C-alpha atoms as a PDB file:
ATOM      1  CA  MET A   1     236.522 239.141 125.557  1.00  0.00           C
ATOM      2  CA  THR A   2     235.104 241.138 122.654  1.00  0.00           C
ATOM      3  CA  THR A   3     235.186 244.891 122.614  1.00  0.00           C
ATOM      4  CA  GLU A   4     232.974 247.184 120.637  1.00  0.00           C
ATOM      5  CA  ASN A   5     235.045 249.120 118.126  1.00  0.00           C
ATOM      6  CA  SER A   6     232.551 251.246 116.264  1.00  0.00           C
ATOM      7  CA  THR A   7     228.904 252.102 115.810  1.00  0.00           C
ATOM      8  CA  LYS A   8     227.566 253.558 112.570  1.00  0.00           C
ATOM      9  CA  THR A   9     224.074 254.658 111.627  1.00  0.00           C
ATOM     10  CA  TYR A  10     222.793 254.438 108.055  1.00  0.00           C
ATOM     11  CA  SER A  11     219.570 255.973 106.774  1.00  0.00           C
ATOM     12  CA  GLY A  12     217.302 254.650 104.070  1.00  0.00           C
ATOM     13  CA  LEU A  13     213.565 254.246 103.659  1.00  0.00           C
ATOM     14  CA  GLY A  14     211.412 252.392 106.130  1.00  0.00           C
ATOM     15  CA  ALA A  15     209.945 249.681 103.930  1.00  0.00           C
ATOM     16  CA  ALA A  16     208.288 247.155 106.231  1.00  0.00           C
ATOM     17  CA  PRO A  17     207.233 248.052 109.775  1.00  0.00           C
ATOM     18  CA  GLY A  18     208.825 246.703 112.894  1.00  0.00           C
ATOM     19  CA  ARG A  19     212.216 246.563 114.543  1.00  0.00           C
ATOM     20  CA  ALA A  20     214.729 243.735 114.427  1.00  0.00           C
ATOM     21  CA  SER A  21     218.184 242.992 115.728  1.00  0.00           C
ATOM     22  CA  GLY A  22     220.621 240.314 114.666  1.00  0.00           C
ATOM     23  CA  LYS A  23     223.944 239.496 113.109  1.00  0.00           C
ATOM     24  CA  ALA A  24     224.463 240.741 109.573  1.00  0.00           C
ATOM     25  CA  TYR A  25     224.642 238.196 106.781  1.00  0.00           C
ATOM     26  CA  VAL A  26     225.830 239.918 103.614  1.00  0.00           C
ATOM     27  CA  ILE A  27     224.824 238.449 100.250  1.00  0.00           C
ATOM     28  CA  ARG A  28     227.568 239.246  97.735  1.00  0.00           C
ATOM     29  CA  ASN A  29     227.015 236.414  95.236  1.00  0.00           C
ATOM     30  CA  ALA A  30     224.577 233.621  94.433  1.00  0.00           C
ATOM     31  CA  GLU A  31     226.437 231.069  96.561  1.00  0.00           C
ATOM     32  CA  ASP A  32     225.891 233.158  99.709  1.00  0.00           C
ATOM     33  CA  VAL A  33     222.133 232.616  99.422  1.00  0.00           C
ATOM     34  CA  MET A  34     222.474 228.920 100.217  1.00  0.00           C
ATOM     35  CA  ALA A  35     223.764 229.382 103.781  1.00  0.00           C
ATOM     36  CA  VAL A  36     221.643 232.123 105.360  1.00  0.00           C
ATOM     37  CA  PRO A  37     221.683 231.563 109.138  1.00  0.00           C
ATOM     38  CA  ALA A  38     218.355 231.636 110.958  1.00  0.00           C
ATOM     39  CA  GLY A  39     217.746 234.892 112.830  1.00  0.00           C
ATOM     40  CA  SER A  40     220.228 236.923 110.826  1.00  0.00           C
ATOM     41  CA  VAL A  41     219.657 240.308 109.230  1.00  0.00           C
ATOM     42  CA  LEU A  42     220.013 239.875 105.490  1.00  0.00           C
ATOM     43  CA  VAL A  43     222.020 242.579 103.683  1.00  0.00           C
ATOM     44  CA  MET A  44     221.740 242.520  99.888  1.00  0.00           C
ATOM     45  CA  ARG A  45     221.742 244.638  96.761  1.00  0.00           C
ATOM     46  CA  ILE A  46     218.197 243.795  95.694  1.00  0.00           C
ATOM     47  CA  LEU A  47     215.630 241.162  96.652  1.00  0.00           C
ATOM     48  CA  HIS A  48     214.173 239.194  93.771  1.00  0.00           C
ATOM     49  CA  PRO A  49     210.885 237.289  94.217  1.00  0.00           C
ATOM     50  CA  HIS A  50     212.586 233.884  93.840  1.00  0.00           C
ATOM     51  CA  LEU A  51     214.412 234.591  97.130  1.00  0.00           C
ATOM     52  CA  ALA A  52     211.152 234.895  99.087  1.00  0.00           C
ATOM     53  CA  PRO A  53     211.617 231.456 100.734  1.00  0.00           C
ATOM     54  CA  LEU A  54     214.601 232.920 102.638  1.00  0.00           C
ATOM     55  CA  LEU A  55     212.533 235.510 104.445  1.00  0.00           C
ATOM     56  CA  PRO A  56     210.935 233.316 107.125  1.00  0.00           C
ATOM     57  CA  ARG A  57     214.495 232.466 108.304  1.00  0.00           C
ATOM     58  CA  VAL A  58     215.666 236.057 108.842  1.00  0.00           C
ATOM     59  CA  ALA A  59     214.968 238.687 111.489  1.00  0.00           C
ATOM     60  CA  GLY A  60     215.302 241.721 109.227  1.00  0.00           C
ATOM     61  CA  LEU A  61     216.258 242.976 105.807  1.00  0.00           C
ATOM     62  CA  VAL A  62     218.616 245.720 104.575  1.00  0.00           C
ATOM     63  CA  VAL A  63     218.579 246.406 100.836  1.00  0.00           C
ATOM     64  CA  GLU A  64     220.864 248.746  98.872  1.00  0.00           C
ATOM     65  CA  GLU A  65     218.369 249.440  96.131  1.00  0.00           C
ATOM     66  CA  GLY A  66     214.730 249.847  96.753  1.00  0.00           C
ATOM     67  CA  ALA A  67     211.618 251.898  96.979  1.00  0.00           C
ATOM     68  CA  ILE A  68     208.317 251.508  98.737  1.00  0.00           C
ATOM     69  CA  LEU A  69     206.712 249.466  95.934  1.00  0.00           C
ATOM     70  CA  GLN A  70     209.562 247.109  95.027  1.00  0.00           C
ATOM     71  CA  HIS A  71     209.598 243.356  95.594  1.00  0.00           C
ATOM     72  CA  ALA A  72     211.733 243.633  98.736  1.00  0.00           C
ATOM     73  CA  THR A  73     209.228 245.842 100.497  1.00  0.00           C
ATOM     74  CA  THR A  74     206.164 243.877  99.462  1.00  0.00           C
ATOM     75  CA  LEU A  75     207.697 240.522 100.398  1.00  0.00           C
ATOM     76  CA  ALA A  76     209.030 241.804 103.716  1.00  0.00           C
ATOM     77  CA  ARG A  77     205.632 243.247 104.662  1.00  0.00           C
ATOM     78  CA  GLU A  78     203.872 240.015 103.692  1.00  0.00           C
ATOM     79  CA  CYS A  79     206.298 238.008 105.853  1.00  0.00           C
ATOM     80  CA  GLY A  80     206.218 240.482 108.744  1.00  0.00           C
ATOM     81  CA  ILE A  81     209.943 241.219 108.540  1.00  0.00           C
ATOM     82  CA  PRO A  82     211.230 244.731 109.305  1.00  0.00           C
ATOM     83  CA  ALA A  83     213.054 246.180 106.320  1.00  0.00           C
ATOM     84  CA  ALA A  84     215.070 249.244 105.384  1.00  0.00           C
ATOM     85  CA  VAL A  85     215.794 249.888 101.712  1.00  0.00           C
ATOM     86  CA  GLY A  86     217.810 252.401  99.728  1.00  0.00           C
ATOM     87  CA  ILE A  87     220.940 252.139 101.887  1.00  0.00           C
ATOM     88  CA  ARG A  88     223.649 252.735  99.324  1.00  0.00           C
ATOM     89  CA  ASP A  89     226.747 250.564  99.515  1.00  0.00           C
ATOM     90  CA  ALA A  90     225.300 248.555 102.427  1.00  0.00           C
ATOM     91  CA  ARG A  91     227.221 245.457 101.298  1.00  0.00           C
ATOM     92  CA  ARG A  92     230.468 247.407 101.474  1.00  0.00           C
ATOM     93  CA  LEU A  93     229.688 249.296 104.680  1.00  0.00           C
ATOM     94  CA  ILE A  94     228.327 246.360 106.697  1.00  0.00           C
ATOM     95  CA  GLN A  95     230.413 243.280 107.427  1.00  0.00           C
ATOM     96  CA  ASP A  96     229.244 239.723 108.113  1.00  0.00           C
ATOM     97  CA  GLY A  97     228.742 239.359 111.846  1.00  0.00           C
ATOM     98  CA  ASP A  98     228.147 243.041 112.599  1.00  0.00           C
ATOM     99  CA  MET A  99     225.245 243.431 115.008  1.00  0.00           C
ATOM    100  CA  LEU A 100     222.460 245.333 113.258  1.00  0.00           C
ATOM    101  CA  ASP A 101     219.386 247.082 114.578  1.00  0.00           C
ATOM    102  CA  VAL A 102     216.883 247.652 111.764  1.00  0.00           C
ATOM    103  CA  ASP A 103     214.024 250.099 112.181  1.00  0.00           C
ATOM    104  CA  GLY A 104     211.487 249.338 109.475  1.00  0.00           C
ATOM    105  CA  TYR A 105     209.449 252.406 110.430  1.00  0.00           C
ATOM    106  CA  THR A 106     212.180 255.010 109.879  1.00  0.00           C
ATOM    107  CA  GLY A 107     214.628 253.159 107.607  1.00  0.00           C
ATOM    108  CA  GLU A 108     217.461 253.601 110.099  1.00  0.00           C
ATOM    109  CA  VAL A 109     220.053 250.844 110.514  1.00  0.00           C
ATOM    110  CA  VAL A 110     222.541 250.905 113.367  1.00  0.00           C
ATOM    111  CA  ALA A 111     225.611 248.717 112.836  1.00  0.00           C
ATOM    112  CA  ARG A 112     227.938 247.725 115.657  1.00  0.00           C
ATOM    113  CA  HIS A 113     231.239 246.231 114.585  1.00  0.00           C
ATOM    114  CA  PHE A 114     233.227 244.089 116.999  1.00  0.00           C
ATOM    115  CA  ASP A 115     236.790 242.854 116.682  1.00  0.00           C
END
């Protein structure tokens, strides 16, 4: 049986409207991009346009760097994927498999870590 160990809330900018929940998939290097599970919440430093084909597979997006007019926000809005940007150190703070709730309206991300 799994037990919930901790819940953390991180604040950034709401970049693409909507709310999404799913398991975190953290992109730390180029190889990680090849195995993004469907329905996951993608956590990455920055979203480049060549990664746009990944977006239809994911439930939400959390980006460390970002502003309202960057590629991540535009692509997420076009694909209808809730996104929060500007969450510093997200790749360090969020672990693969954490359950994330992303609020693309407020930029708030709630992470629940299980052991």
